[in-house]
Protein backbone atom coordinates (compact mmCIF):
# COMPACT_ATOMS: atom_id res chain seq x y z
CA GLN A 1 -82.67 -32.56 -7.89
CA VAL A 2 -79.04 -34.20 -8.82
CA GLN A 3 -79.59 -38.09 -8.78
CA LEU A 4 -76.91 -40.71 -9.18
CA VAL A 5 -78.66 -43.62 -11.20
CA GLU A 6 -76.86 -47.09 -10.83
CA SER A 7 -77.45 -50.07 -12.85
CA GLY A 8 -75.49 -53.32 -13.94
CA GLY A 9 -75.72 -55.09 -10.83
CA GLY A 10 -76.58 -58.79 -10.93
CA LEU A 11 -75.50 -62.25 -10.32
CA VAL A 12 -72.36 -64.22 -11.91
CA PRO A 13 -70.51 -67.06 -11.04
CA PRO A 14 -66.82 -66.99 -9.77
CA GLY A 15 -64.66 -65.74 -12.24
CA GLY A 16 -67.31 -63.90 -14.22
CA SER A 17 -67.20 -60.34 -15.48
CA LEU A 18 -69.91 -57.60 -14.79
CA ARG A 19 -70.09 -54.08 -15.56
CA LEU A 20 -72.22 -51.05 -13.62
CA SER A 21 -72.64 -48.01 -14.55
CA CYS A 22 -73.74 -44.55 -13.03
CA ALA A 23 -75.31 -42.05 -14.54
CA ALA A 24 -75.13 -38.47 -13.28
CA SER A 25 -77.06 -35.70 -14.86
CA GLY A 26 -75.87 -32.32 -15.00
CA SER A 27 -72.64 -30.61 -16.88
CA ILE A 28 -71.10 -29.53 -13.15
CA PHE A 29 -70.29 -33.33 -12.84
CA ARG A 30 -67.61 -33.06 -15.13
CA MET A 31 -65.15 -31.56 -12.29
CA TYR A 32 -66.76 -34.36 -9.72
CA THR A 33 -64.77 -36.90 -8.39
CA MET A 34 -66.61 -40.11 -9.17
CA ALA A 35 -65.93 -43.05 -7.39
CA TRP A 36 -67.14 -46.64 -6.70
CA TYR A 37 -67.95 -47.86 -2.75
CA ARG A 38 -69.32 -51.11 -1.75
CA GLN A 39 -70.99 -52.69 1.59
CA ALA A 40 -71.11 -56.24 2.18
CA PRO A 41 -73.45 -57.63 5.07
CA GLY A 42 -71.85 -56.83 8.78
CA LYS A 43 -68.97 -55.25 7.54
CA GLN A 44 -68.23 -51.20 6.74
CA ARG A 45 -68.79 -49.25 3.54
CA GLU A 46 -65.48 -49.10 1.69
CA LEU A 47 -63.74 -47.84 -0.87
CA VAL A 48 -63.28 -49.70 -4.40
CA ALA A 49 -62.29 -46.83 -7.40
CA SER A 50 -62.21 -43.87 -7.87
CA ILE A 51 -62.14 -41.66 -10.50
CA THR A 52 -61.02 -38.07 -10.82
CA GLY A 53 -62.46 -34.97 -12.93
CA GLY A 54 -59.15 -35.71 -14.90
CA GLY A 55 -59.25 -39.19 -15.60
CA SER A 56 -56.55 -39.84 -12.39
CA THR A 57 -57.45 -43.24 -10.81
CA ASP A 58 -57.42 -45.34 -7.57
CA TYR A 59 -58.23 -48.96 -6.13
CA GLY A 60 -58.88 -50.62 -3.20
CA ASP A 61 -56.74 -53.23 -2.77
CA SER A 62 -58.45 -55.95 -2.95
CA VAL A 63 -59.58 -55.29 -6.23
CA LYS A 64 -56.61 -53.75 -8.14
CA GLY A 65 -55.89 -55.73 -11.57
CA ARG A 66 -59.41 -57.26 -11.74
CA PHE A 67 -61.67 -54.27 -11.77
CA THR A 68 -61.25 -50.86 -14.01
CA ILE A 69 -63.30 -47.45 -13.68
CA SER A 70 -64.00 -45.01 -16.59
CA ARG A 71 -66.27 -42.27 -17.11
CA ASP A 72 -67.56 -40.99 -20.04
CA ASN A 73 -67.87 -37.14 -19.75
CA THR A 74 -70.36 -35.02 -22.12
CA TRP A 75 -71.99 -31.38 -21.89
CA THR A 76 -74.80 -32.89 -20.26
CA SER A 77 -74.13 -35.73 -17.90
CA VAL A 78 -71.40 -37.63 -16.80
CA THR A 79 -71.54 -41.53 -16.77
CA ALA A 80 -69.20 -43.26 -14.43
CA TYR A 81 -68.65 -47.19 -15.01
CA LEU A 82 -66.89 -50.16 -12.98
CA GLN A 83 -65.47 -53.15 -15.28
CA MET A 84 -65.72 -55.77 -12.94
CA ASN A 85 -63.66 -58.78 -13.84
CA GLY A 86 -62.67 -62.60 -12.23
CA LEU A 87 -65.19 -62.10 -9.56
CA LYS A 88 -64.79 -63.44 -6.23
CA PHE A 89 -67.36 -64.63 -3.46
CA GLU A 90 -65.89 -61.64 -1.28
CA ASP A 91 -66.91 -59.64 -3.77
CA THR A 92 -70.51 -59.95 -2.87
CA ALA A 93 -71.96 -56.44 -1.68
CA VAL A 94 -73.82 -53.58 -2.69
CA TYR A 95 -72.04 -51.06 -4.96
CA TYR A 96 -72.82 -48.20 -4.46
CA CYS A 97 -71.94 -44.85 -6.96
CA TYR A 98 -70.50 -41.85 -5.19
CA ALA A 99 -69.80 -38.31 -6.31
CA SER A 100 -68.00 -35.29 -4.82
CA ARG A 101 -66.32 -31.85 -5.52
CA ALA A 102 -65.26 -29.56 -1.96
CA THR A 103 -68.43 -30.08 0.44
CA ASN A 104 -70.82 -31.41 -2.45
CA VAL A 105 -71.16 -35.18 -1.96
CA TYR A 106 -73.77 -37.20 -3.58
CA TRP A 107 -74.71 -41.26 -3.01
CA GLY A 108 -76.76 -43.27 -5.37
CA GLN A 109 -79.22 -45.83 -4.40
CA GLY A 110 -76.75 -48.69 -4.71
CA THR A 111 -77.05 -51.90 -7.09
CA GLN A 112 -76.90 -55.68 -5.60
CA VAL A 113 -73.97 -57.49 -6.88
CA THR A 114 -74.19 -61.33 -6.14
CA VAL A 115 -71.19 -63.51 -7.18
CA SER A 116 -72.18 -67.09 -6.29
CA SER A 117 -71.92 -70.98 -7.72
């Protein structure tokens, strides 16, 4: 069974940093695009950042210059990271890991990030 396991969420003050991790078991994920989405209460889910199997990245406008996505491919698994710096109140949301290739799409269970003083 395919699983995306997220970790690293929590409570952080404005201006602080967090690092999210998403572990995907299975070598097939080396070819998958990995991404992070987020959903705040009352809002639609939005793309935060994505990274292809070849390492090309893309970011949502609201996080450019503050967040960095990366990935670590091994023979048996892939881990995607989201380094979040300069966090703002409006970054508060549930963050979801996402993996896709062609018609195959997988979602993680979500991890809460709360920015509060």
